[in-house]
Amino acid sequence: MSEVKLTTEGIRYIALFENLTGATAKDCVIDEENDRVIFVIKKGEMGLAIGRGGSSINGVKKAIGNHVELEEHSEDDNEFIRNALHPVPVKNVSVVSKKDKRLAFVEISPKDRGFAIGRNGRNIQKAKMLAQRHHGIGDIVIQ
């Protein structure tokens, strides 16, 4: 597993997030390039993080003043990658080790490829970065 290093700003955002939602954040990534803040939250706490009618997450967005994205954590590589690509339907995930690198091959329907990649690659970039931070997976290959 990779070690997650938080910035001072990330630690402040986690404290704010947990205070406003009651959910536990395991990680916070400030993605200035894509103008968003990504929280990786404890498994099973997505409903708590979002709140009734989106009230909790909207409070976080307003307090941070930035777009906020939530990803559910999992200790399982396969499930973590599926969560990171959600809501894209993933047919299969296989994680393999080649030389000193772990790779994830993700099977997605051709009609969903564009959505999985996202505008300017932002969705797949997020999934790759989180998979590296939390599971030491060097790359995600969409098939």
N, C-alpha and C. Protein backbone atom coordinates (compact mmCIF):
# COMPACT_ATOMS: atom_id res chain seq x y z
N MET A 1 0.83 -1.19 0.00
CA MET A 1 0.00 0.00 0.00
C MET A 1 0.87 1.25 0.00
N SER A 2 0.39 2.27 -0.61
CA SER A 2 1.10 3.54 -0.65
C SER A 2 0.76 4.34 0.59
N GLU A 3 1.66 5.22 0.95
CA GLU A 3 1.42 6.09 2.09
C GLU A 3 0.84 7.40 1.57
N VAL A 4 -0.27 7.81 2.13
CA VAL A 4 -0.94 9.04 1.72
C VAL A 4 -0.34 10.21 2.50
N LYS A 5 0.14 11.20 1.77
CA LYS A 5 0.70 12.40 2.41
C LYS A 5 -0.27 13.55 2.18
N LEU A 6 -0.68 14.17 3.26
CA LEU A 6 -1.63 15.28 3.19
C LEU A 6 -0.91 16.62 3.32
N THR A 7 -1.41 17.60 2.59
CA THR A 7 -0.89 18.96 2.76
C THR A 7 -1.59 19.59 3.96
N THR A 8 -1.07 20.70 4.42
CA THR A 8 -1.71 21.43 5.53
C THR A 8 -3.12 21.84 5.14
N GLU A 9 -3.28 22.31 3.90
CA GLU A 9 -4.61 22.70 3.42
C GLU A 9 -5.53 21.49 3.36
N GLY A 10 -5.00 20.34 2.94
CA GLY A 10 -5.79 19.11 2.88
C GLY A 10 -6.27 18.69 4.26
N ILE A 11 -5.40 18.83 5.25
CA ILE A 11 -5.78 18.49 6.64
C ILE A 11 -6.89 19.42 7.13
N ARG A 12 -6.79 20.71 6.79
CA ARG A 12 -7.84 21.68 7.17
C ARG A 12 -9.16 21.33 6.49
N TYR A 13 -9.09 20.96 5.21
CA TYR A 13 -10.31 20.60 4.48
C TYR A 13 -10.95 19.35 5.06
N ILE A 14 -10.13 18.38 5.48
CA ILE A 14 -10.67 17.15 6.08
C ILE A 14 -11.40 17.49 7.39
N ALA A 15 -10.79 18.34 8.20
CA ALA A 15 -11.43 18.74 9.46
C ALA A 15 -12.77 19.43 9.18
N LEU A 16 -12.79 20.32 8.20
CA LEU A 16 -14.01 21.02 7.83
C LEU A 16 -15.06 20.03 7.31
N PHE A 17 -14.63 19.13 6.41
CA PHE A 17 -15.53 18.13 5.83
C PHE A 17 -16.16 17.26 6.92
N GLU A 18 -15.32 16.75 7.82
CA GLU A 18 -15.82 15.86 8.88
C GLU A 18 -16.76 16.61 9.83
N ASN A 19 -16.44 17.87 10.11
CA ASN A 19 -17.27 18.69 10.99
C ASN A 19 -18.65 18.95 10.36
N LEU A 20 -18.67 19.24 9.07
CA LEU A 20 -19.93 19.57 8.39
C LEU A 20 -20.78 18.35 8.03
N THR A 21 -20.14 17.20 7.77
CA THR A 21 -20.89 16.03 7.30
C THR A 21 -21.06 14.94 8.34
N GLY A 22 -20.13 14.82 9.27
CA GLY A 22 -20.15 13.72 10.23
C GLY A 22 -19.52 12.46 9.65
N ALA A 23 -19.11 12.50 8.37
CA ALA A 23 -18.46 11.36 7.72
C ALA A 23 -16.95 11.45 7.94
N THR A 24 -16.27 10.32 7.81
CA THR A 24 -14.82 10.26 8.00
C THR A 24 -14.11 10.32 6.65
N ALA A 25 -13.21 11.28 6.49
CA ALA A 25 -12.42 11.40 5.26
C ALA A 25 -11.06 10.77 5.50
N LYS A 26 -10.66 9.86 4.62
CA LYS A 26 -9.36 9.20 4.73
C LYS A 26 -8.28 9.95 3.94
N ASP A 27 -8.72 10.80 3.00
CA ASP A 27 -7.77 11.52 2.15
C ASP A 27 -8.46 12.73 1.56
N CYS A 28 -7.65 13.73 1.22
CA CYS A 28 -8.15 14.93 0.56
C CYS A 28 -7.10 15.34 -0.46
N VAL A 29 -7.51 15.44 -1.72
CA VAL A 29 -6.61 15.86 -2.79
C VAL A 29 -7.14 17.18 -3.35
N ILE A 30 -6.29 18.18 -3.33
CA ILE A 30 -6.65 19.47 -3.91
C ILE A 30 -6.11 19.49 -5.33
N ASP A 31 -7.02 19.38 -6.29
CA ASP A 31 -6.66 19.30 -7.71
C ASP A 31 -6.90 20.67 -8.33
N GLU A 32 -5.89 21.54 -8.22
CA GLU A 32 -6.02 22.91 -8.73
C GLU A 32 -6.15 22.94 -10.24
N GLU A 33 -5.49 22.01 -10.92
CA GLU A 33 -5.53 21.96 -12.38
C GLU A 33 -6.96 21.80 -12.90
N ASN A 34 -7.76 20.98 -12.21
CA ASN A 34 -9.14 20.74 -12.61
C ASN A 34 -10.15 21.45 -11.72
N ASP A 35 -9.66 22.35 -10.86
CA ASP A 35 -10.51 23.18 -10.02
C ASP A 35 -11.49 22.36 -9.18
N ARG A 36 -10.94 21.38 -8.43
CA ARG A 36 -11.78 20.52 -7.61
C ARG A 36 -11.02 20.04 -6.38
N VAL A 37 -11.78 19.62 -5.38
CA VAL A 37 -11.23 19.00 -4.18
C VAL A 37 -11.86 17.61 -4.11
N ILE A 38 -11.01 16.58 -3.97
CA ILE A 38 -11.48 15.20 -3.95
C ILE A 38 -11.28 14.63 -2.54
N PHE A 39 -12.36 14.14 -1.96
CA PHE A 39 -12.29 13.49 -0.65
C PHE A 39 -12.47 11.99 -0.85
N VAL A 40 -11.61 11.19 -0.22
CA VAL A 40 -11.79 9.74 -0.17
C VAL A 40 -12.37 9.47 1.20
N ILE A 41 -13.60 8.94 1.21
CA ILE A 41 -14.29 8.77 2.48
C ILE A 41 -14.37 7.30 2.89
N LYS A 42 -14.55 7.12 4.18
CA LYS A 42 -14.62 5.79 4.76
C LYS A 42 -15.75 4.99 4.11
N LYS A 43 -15.47 3.72 3.86
CA LYS A 43 -16.45 2.83 3.24
C LYS A 43 -17.75 2.84 4.03
N GLY A 44 -18.86 2.96 3.32
CA GLY A 44 -20.17 2.91 3.95
C GLY A 44 -20.69 4.26 4.43
N GLU A 45 -19.91 5.33 4.26
CA GLU A 45 -20.32 6.64 4.76
C GLU A 45 -20.70 7.63 3.66
N MET A 46 -20.94 7.13 2.45
CA MET A 46 -21.28 8.01 1.33
C MET A 46 -22.58 8.77 1.60
N GLY A 47 -23.59 8.07 2.09
CA GLY A 47 -24.88 8.71 2.39
C GLY A 47 -24.73 9.81 3.42
N LEU A 48 -23.96 9.55 4.44
CA LEU A 48 -23.71 10.54 5.49
C LEU A 48 -22.97 11.74 4.91
N ALA A 49 -22.00 11.48 4.05
CA ALA A 49 -21.21 12.57 3.45
C ALA A 49 -22.07 13.45 2.55
N ILE A 50 -23.00 12.84 1.82
CA ILE A 50 -23.85 13.61 0.90
C ILE A 50 -24.95 14.33 1.68
N GLY A 51 -25.57 13.65 2.61
CA GLY A 51 -26.64 14.26 3.41
C GLY A 51 -27.97 14.24 2.68
N ARG A 52 -29.03 14.50 3.41
CA ARG A 52 -30.37 14.49 2.83
C ARG A 52 -30.48 15.57 1.76
N GLY A 53 -30.81 15.15 0.55
CA GLY A 53 -30.95 16.09 -0.56
C GLY A 53 -29.65 16.80 -0.91
N GLY A 54 -28.52 16.22 -0.51
CA GLY A 54 -27.22 16.83 -0.82
C GLY A 54 -26.84 17.95 0.11
N SER A 55 -27.55 18.09 1.22
CA SER A 55 -27.31 19.24 2.12
C SER A 55 -25.90 19.26 2.71
N SER A 56 -25.38 18.11 3.12
CA SER A 56 -24.05 18.08 3.74
C SER A 56 -22.95 18.44 2.74
N ILE A 57 -22.98 17.80 1.57
CA ILE A 57 -21.93 18.04 0.59
C ILE A 57 -22.03 19.46 0.03
N ASN A 58 -23.25 19.97 -0.10
CA ASN A 58 -23.41 21.34 -0.57
C ASN A 58 -22.85 22.35 0.43
N GLY A 59 -22.97 22.04 1.72
CA GLY A 59 -22.37 22.89 2.75
C GLY A 59 -20.85 22.91 2.64
N VAL A 60 -20.27 21.75 2.33
CA VAL A 60 -18.82 21.65 2.16
C VAL A 60 -18.40 22.45 0.93
N LYS A 61 -19.13 22.30 -0.18
CA LYS A 61 -18.81 23.05 -1.41
C LYS A 61 -18.83 24.55 -1.15
N LYS A 62 -19.85 24.99 -0.43
CA LYS A 62 -19.99 26.43 -0.14
C LYS A 62 -18.85 26.91 0.75
N ALA A 63 -18.49 26.13 1.76
CA ALA A 63 -17.42 26.53 2.69
C ALA A 63 -16.05 26.55 2.01
N ILE A 64 -15.81 25.60 1.12
CA ILE A 64 -14.53 25.52 0.43
C ILE A 64 -14.49 26.48 -0.76
N GLY A 65 -15.66 26.68 -1.38
CA GLY A 65 -15.73 27.56 -2.54
C GLY A 65 -15.16 26.91 -3.78
N ASN A 66 -15.32 25.58 -3.86
CA ASN A 66 -14.75 24.84 -4.97
C ASN A 66 -15.62 23.62 -5.25
N HIS A 67 -15.48 23.04 -6.43
CA HIS A 67 -16.19 21.81 -6.76
C HIS A 67 -15.63 20.69 -5.87
N VAL A 68 -16.51 19.86 -5.33
CA VAL A 68 -16.09 18.77 -4.44
C VAL A 68 -16.54 17.43 -5.03
N GLU A 69 -15.63 16.48 -5.05
CA GLU A 69 -15.96 15.13 -5.50
C GLU A 69 -15.67 14.16 -4.37
N LEU A 70 -16.52 13.13 -4.26
CA LEU A 70 -16.38 12.11 -3.22
C LEU A 70 -16.09 10.76 -3.85
N GLU A 71 -15.17 10.03 -3.25
CA GLU A 71 -14.86 8.67 -3.66
C GLU A 71 -14.88 7.81 -2.40
N GLU A 72 -15.48 6.63 -2.49
CA GLU A 72 -15.54 5.74 -1.35
C GLU A 72 -14.30 4.85 -1.31
N HIS A 73 -13.68 4.77 -0.15
CA HIS A 73 -12.46 3.98 0.02
C HIS A 73 -12.81 2.50 0.10
N SER A 74 -11.87 1.68 -0.29
CA SER A 74 -11.96 0.23 -0.11
C SER A 74 -10.54 -0.31 -0.01
N GLU A 75 -10.35 -1.31 0.83
CA GLU A 75 -9.04 -1.97 0.93
C GLU A 75 -8.79 -2.87 -0.28
N ASP A 76 -9.88 -3.25 -0.97
CA ASP A 76 -9.80 -4.13 -2.13
C ASP A 76 -9.48 -3.31 -3.39
N ASP A 77 -8.41 -3.69 -4.10
CA ASP A 77 -8.00 -2.97 -5.32
C ASP A 77 -9.14 -2.85 -6.32
N ASN A 78 -9.78 -3.98 -6.60
CA ASN A 78 -10.84 -4.05 -7.59
C ASN A 78 -11.98 -3.10 -7.24
N GLU A 79 -12.46 -3.18 -6.00
CA GLU A 79 -13.57 -2.34 -5.56
C GLU A 79 -13.17 -0.86 -5.54
N PHE A 80 -11.95 -0.56 -5.12
CA PHE A 80 -11.48 0.83 -5.07
C PHE A 80 -11.50 1.45 -6.47
N ILE A 81 -11.02 0.72 -7.46
CA ILE A 81 -10.99 1.23 -8.84
C ILE A 81 -12.41 1.41 -9.37
N ARG A 82 -13.29 0.46 -9.07
CA ARG A 82 -14.69 0.59 -9.48
C ARG A 82 -15.30 1.85 -8.87
N ASN A 83 -15.02 2.09 -7.58
CA ASN A 83 -15.54 3.28 -6.90
C ASN A 83 -14.98 4.55 -7.54
N ALA A 84 -13.69 4.54 -7.89
CA ALA A 84 -13.05 5.72 -8.46
C ALA A 84 -13.61 6.06 -9.84
N LEU A 85 -14.10 5.05 -10.56
CA LEU A 85 -14.65 5.28 -11.89
C LEU A 85 -16.18 5.45 -11.88
N HIS A 86 -16.79 5.28 -10.74
CA HIS A 86 -18.25 5.41 -10.60
C HIS A 86 -18.70 6.77 -11.13
N PRO A 87 -19.79 6.87 -11.85
CA PRO A 87 -20.86 5.91 -12.10
C PRO A 87 -20.69 5.09 -13.38
N VAL A 88 -19.52 5.06 -13.97
CA VAL A 88 -19.30 4.27 -15.18
C VAL A 88 -19.41 2.78 -14.83
N PRO A 89 -20.24 2.02 -15.56
CA PRO A 89 -20.34 0.59 -15.28
C PRO A 89 -19.06 -0.14 -15.73
N VAL A 90 -18.39 -0.76 -14.78
CA VAL A 90 -17.15 -1.48 -15.04
C VAL A 90 -17.47 -2.97 -15.14
N LYS A 91 -17.08 -3.59 -16.25
CA LYS A 91 -17.34 -5.02 -16.45
C LYS A 91 -16.38 -5.87 -15.64
N ASN A 92 -15.09 -5.50 -15.66
CA ASN A 92 -14.09 -6.31 -14.98
C ASN A 92 -12.86 -5.47 -14.66
N VAL A 93 -12.20 -5.79 -13.56
CA VAL A 93 -10.93 -5.16 -13.19
C VAL A 93 -9.96 -6.27 -12.86
N SER A 94 -8.77 -6.22 -13.47
CA SER A 94 -7.73 -7.18 -13.07
C SER A 94 -6.44 -6.41 -12.82
N VAL A 95 -5.88 -6.65 -11.65
CA VAL A 95 -4.64 -5.99 -11.25
C VAL A 95 -3.51 -6.99 -11.40
N VAL A 96 -2.48 -6.60 -12.13
CA VAL A 96 -1.33 -7.48 -12.37
C VAL A 96 -0.04 -6.75 -11.99
N SER A 97 0.96 -7.53 -11.63
CA SER A 97 2.27 -6.97 -11.33
C SER A 97 3.21 -7.29 -12.48
N LYS A 98 3.83 -6.24 -13.02
CA LYS A 98 4.81 -6.41 -14.10
C LYS A 98 6.07 -5.65 -13.72
N LYS A 99 7.16 -6.36 -13.62
CA LYS A 99 8.44 -5.78 -13.19
C LYS A 99 8.19 -5.09 -11.86
N ASP A 100 8.47 -3.99 -11.49
CA ASP A 100 8.18 -3.49 -10.14
C ASP A 100 6.93 -2.63 -10.11
N LYS A 101 6.04 -2.82 -11.10
CA LYS A 101 4.89 -1.94 -11.23
C LYS A 101 3.60 -2.73 -11.20
N ARG A 102 2.60 -2.20 -10.52
CA ARG A 102 1.27 -2.81 -10.51
C ARG A 102 0.39 -2.06 -11.51
N LEU A 103 -0.29 -2.80 -12.36
CA LEU A 103 -1.17 -2.21 -13.37
C LEU A 103 -2.58 -2.75 -13.18
N ALA A 104 -3.56 -1.91 -13.47
CA ALA A 104 -4.95 -2.34 -13.42
C ALA A 104 -5.52 -2.26 -14.83
N PHE A 105 -6.06 -3.38 -15.30
CA PHE A 105 -6.73 -3.41 -16.60
C PHE A 105 -8.23 -3.39 -16.32
N VAL A 106 -8.90 -2.37 -16.87
CA VAL A 106 -10.32 -2.17 -16.59
C VAL A 106 -11.11 -2.35 -17.88
N GLU A 107 -12.07 -3.27 -17.82
CA GLU A 107 -12.91 -3.53 -18.99
C GLU A 107 -14.20 -2.72 -18.87
N ILE A 108 -14.41 -1.88 -19.88
CA ILE A 108 -15.57 -0.99 -19.92
C ILE A 108 -16.21 -1.11 -21.29
N SER A 109 -17.52 -1.00 -21.34
CA SER A 109 -18.23 -1.02 -22.62
C SER A 109 -17.74 0.13 -23.50
N PRO A 110 -17.58 -0.11 -24.81
CA PRO A 110 -17.11 0.95 -25.71
C PRO A 110 -17.94 2.23 -25.62
N LYS A 111 -19.24 2.12 -25.38
CA LYS A 111 -20.09 3.31 -25.30
C LYS A 111 -19.80 4.13 -24.04
N ASP A 112 -19.18 3.54 -23.02
CA ASP A 112 -18.89 4.25 -21.77
C ASP A 112 -17.44 4.74 -21.68
N ARG A 113 -16.63 4.44 -22.68
CA ARG A 113 -15.20 4.83 -22.64
C ARG A 113 -15.00 6.34 -22.47
N GLY A 114 -15.74 7.12 -23.26
CA GLY A 114 -15.59 8.57 -23.19
C GLY A 114 -15.92 9.10 -21.81
N PHE A 115 -16.96 8.57 -21.20
CA PHE A 115 -17.36 9.00 -19.86
C PHE A 115 -16.30 8.59 -18.83
N ALA A 116 -15.73 7.39 -19.00
CA ALA A 116 -14.69 6.92 -18.07
C ALA A 116 -13.45 7.81 -18.15
N ILE A 117 -13.12 8.25 -19.36
CA ILE A 117 -11.94 9.10 -19.54
C ILE A 117 -12.25 10.52 -19.09
N GLY A 118 -13.40 11.03 -19.45
CA GLY A 118 -13.82 12.38 -19.04
C GLY A 118 -13.21 13.46 -19.91
N ARG A 119 -13.76 14.67 -19.78
CA ARG A 119 -13.27 15.81 -20.54
C ARG A 119 -11.81 16.07 -20.18
N ASN A 120 -10.98 16.13 -21.20
CA ASN A 120 -9.52 16.33 -21.04
C ASN A 120 -8.88 15.26 -20.15
N GLY A 121 -9.52 14.09 -20.04
CA GLY A 121 -8.95 12.99 -19.27
C GLY A 121 -9.09 13.12 -17.78
N ARG A 122 -9.92 14.04 -17.31
CA ARG A 122 -9.98 14.30 -15.86
C ARG A 122 -10.50 13.13 -15.03
N ASN A 123 -11.43 12.32 -15.54
CA ASN A 123 -11.96 11.20 -14.76
C ASN A 123 -10.92 10.09 -14.59
N ILE A 124 -10.29 9.70 -15.70
CA ILE A 124 -9.29 8.64 -15.61
C ILE A 124 -8.06 9.13 -14.85
N GLN A 125 -7.73 10.40 -14.99
CA GLN A 125 -6.60 10.98 -14.25
C GLN A 125 -6.84 10.88 -12.74
N LYS A 126 -8.07 11.18 -12.32
CA LYS A 126 -8.42 11.09 -10.89
C LYS A 126 -8.32 9.64 -10.41
N ALA A 127 -8.86 8.70 -11.19
CA ALA A 127 -8.83 7.29 -10.81
C ALA A 127 -7.39 6.80 -10.69
N LYS A 128 -6.54 7.17 -11.65
CA LYS A 128 -5.12 6.76 -11.63
C LYS A 128 -4.40 7.33 -10.41
N MET A 129 -4.62 8.60 -10.15
CA MET A 129 -3.94 9.26 -9.03
C MET A 129 -4.36 8.64 -7.69
N LEU A 130 -5.65 8.39 -7.52
CA LEU A 130 -6.13 7.80 -6.27
C LEU A 130 -5.67 6.35 -6.12
N ALA A 131 -5.67 5.59 -7.22
CA ALA A 131 -5.21 4.19 -7.17
C ALA A 131 -3.72 4.14 -6.79
N GLN A 132 -2.94 5.10 -7.28
CA GLN A 132 -1.52 5.18 -6.92
C GLN A 132 -1.37 5.53 -5.44
N ARG A 133 -2.09 6.53 -4.99
CA ARG A 133 -1.99 6.99 -3.59
C ARG A 133 -2.42 5.93 -2.58
N HIS A 134 -3.47 5.18 -2.91
CA HIS A 134 -4.05 4.28 -1.92
C HIS A 134 -3.70 2.81 -2.10
N HIS A 135 -3.32 2.42 -3.32
CA HIS A 135 -3.05 0.99 -3.56
C HIS A 135 -1.74 0.73 -4.28
N GLY A 136 -0.97 1.77 -4.56
CA GLY A 136 0.32 1.58 -5.23
C GLY A 136 0.19 1.06 -6.65
N ILE A 137 -0.94 1.35 -7.28
CA ILE A 137 -1.17 0.92 -8.67
C ILE A 137 -0.65 2.02 -9.59
N GLY A 138 0.34 1.65 -10.40
CA GLY A 138 1.03 2.64 -11.23
C GLY A 138 0.26 3.17 -12.41
N ASP A 139 -0.69 2.38 -12.94
CA ASP A 139 -1.44 2.84 -14.10
C ASP A 139 -2.74 2.06 -14.22
N ILE A 140 -3.72 2.70 -14.84
CA ILE A 140 -5.00 2.05 -15.14
C ILE A 140 -5.13 2.07 -16.67
N VAL A 141 -5.35 0.90 -17.24
CA VAL A 141 -5.51 0.77 -18.68
C VAL A 141 -6.96 0.40 -18.96
N ILE A 142 -7.63 1.25 -19.73
CA ILE A 142 -9.03 0.97 -20.09
C ILE A 142 -9.05 0.13 -21.35
N GLN A 143 -9.81 -0.97 -21.28
CA GLN A 143 -9.89 -1.89 -22.42
C GLN A 143 -11.30 -1.90 -22.97
